[in-house]
């Protein structure tokens, strides 16, 4: 399991000047997060180059989805 793997949704179409192409509002995507940076790609795993962006840029266009499988509740 990749501990840096994230799932996120696009809330706003990124501007062309950001270089973040191919994202659609409401679509879910996969990526990685580490050291305060986010590695994302609209077609994760396709072999195309991913973009490494800051948290502030990520938060402007995307939202992390809750990863329930990583949280355990006591019985």
Protein backbone atom coordinates (compact mmCIF):
# COMPACT_ATOMS: atom_id res chain seq x y z
CA UNK A 1 0.00 0.00 0.00
CA UNK A 2 1.26 3.48 -0.88
CA UNK A 3 0.98 5.57 2.27
CA UNK A 4 1.23 8.78 0.25
CA UNK A 5 -1.72 7.93 -2.04
CA UNK A 6 -4.63 10.36 -1.95
CA UNK A 7 -8.08 10.55 -3.52
CA UNK A 8 -9.49 13.94 -4.37
CA UNK A 9 -12.29 15.66 -6.26
CA UNK A 10 -12.10 18.65 -8.60
CA UNK A 11 -14.20 21.58 -7.30
CA UNK A 12 -13.14 24.23 -9.83
CA UNK A 13 -11.58 23.98 -13.29
CA UNK A 14 -7.90 24.96 -13.10
CA UNK A 15 -6.79 27.94 -15.19
CA UNK A 16 -4.76 27.13 -18.30
CA UNK A 17 -1.80 29.07 -16.91
CA UNK A 18 -1.46 26.48 -14.09
CA UNK A 19 -0.70 23.73 -16.60
CA UNK A 20 -3.28 21.46 -14.94
CA UNK A 21 -5.15 20.12 -17.94
CA UNK A 22 -7.83 17.43 -18.27
CA UNK A 23 -9.59 17.82 -14.93
CA UNK A 24 -13.41 17.96 -14.78
CA UNK A 25 -15.58 19.38 -12.01
CA UNK A 26 -17.06 16.69 -9.76
CA UNK A 27 -14.72 13.93 -10.98
CA UNK A 28 -12.65 11.88 -8.53
CA UNK A 29 -8.92 11.47 -9.06
CA UNK A 30 -5.90 9.76 -7.50
CA UNK A 31 -2.54 11.26 -6.68
CA UNK A 32 0.13 11.45 -4.00
CA UNK A 33 0.88 13.92 -1.21
CA UNK A 34 4.18 14.29 0.62
CA UNK A 35 6.23 17.07 2.23
CA UNK A 36 3.38 19.55 1.77
CA UNK A 37 3.28 19.01 -2.00
CA UNK A 38 0.73 17.26 -4.18
CA UNK A 39 1.59 15.13 -7.21
CA UNK A 40 -1.46 14.99 -9.46
CA UNK A 41 -2.47 13.95 -12.95
CA UNK A 42 -5.92 13.83 -14.57
CA UNK A 43 -5.06 10.35 -15.89
CA UNK A 44 -3.08 8.84 -13.01
CA UNK A 45 -1.17 5.73 -14.02
CA UNK A 46 -1.34 6.47 -17.75
CA UNK A 47 2.36 7.19 -18.04
CA UNK A 48 1.85 10.88 -18.79
CA UNK A 49 3.83 13.38 -16.74
CA UNK A 50 2.26 14.39 -13.43
CA UNK A 51 2.44 17.87 -11.89
CA UNK A 52 3.88 18.66 -8.47
CA UNK A 53 1.96 21.56 -6.94
CA UNK A 54 1.77 23.42 -3.62
CA UNK A 55 -0.95 22.89 -1.03
CA UNK A 56 -2.37 26.37 -1.68
CA UNK A 57 -2.76 25.67 -5.41
CA UNK A 58 -4.23 22.23 -4.66
CA UNK A 59 -6.76 23.72 -2.22
CA UNK A 60 -7.83 26.31 -4.80
CA UNK A 61 -9.09 23.67 -7.26
CA UNK A 62 -9.39 20.35 -5.41
CA UNK A 63 -10.61 18.77 -2.18
CA UNK A 64 -9.25 15.67 -0.47
CA UNK A 65 -11.73 12.84 0.02
CA UNK A 66 -11.92 11.11 3.39
CA UNK A 67 -9.98 7.84 3.45
CA UNK A 68 -12.13 5.85 5.89
CA UNK A 69 -10.10 2.66 5.54
CA UNK A 70 -7.18 4.37 7.31
CA UNK A 71 -9.19 5.27 10.40
CA UNK A 72 -10.24 2.67 12.93
CA UNK A 73 -12.82 3.12 15.65
CA UNK A 74 -12.71 1.19 18.89
CA UNK A 75 -15.29 -1.55 19.32
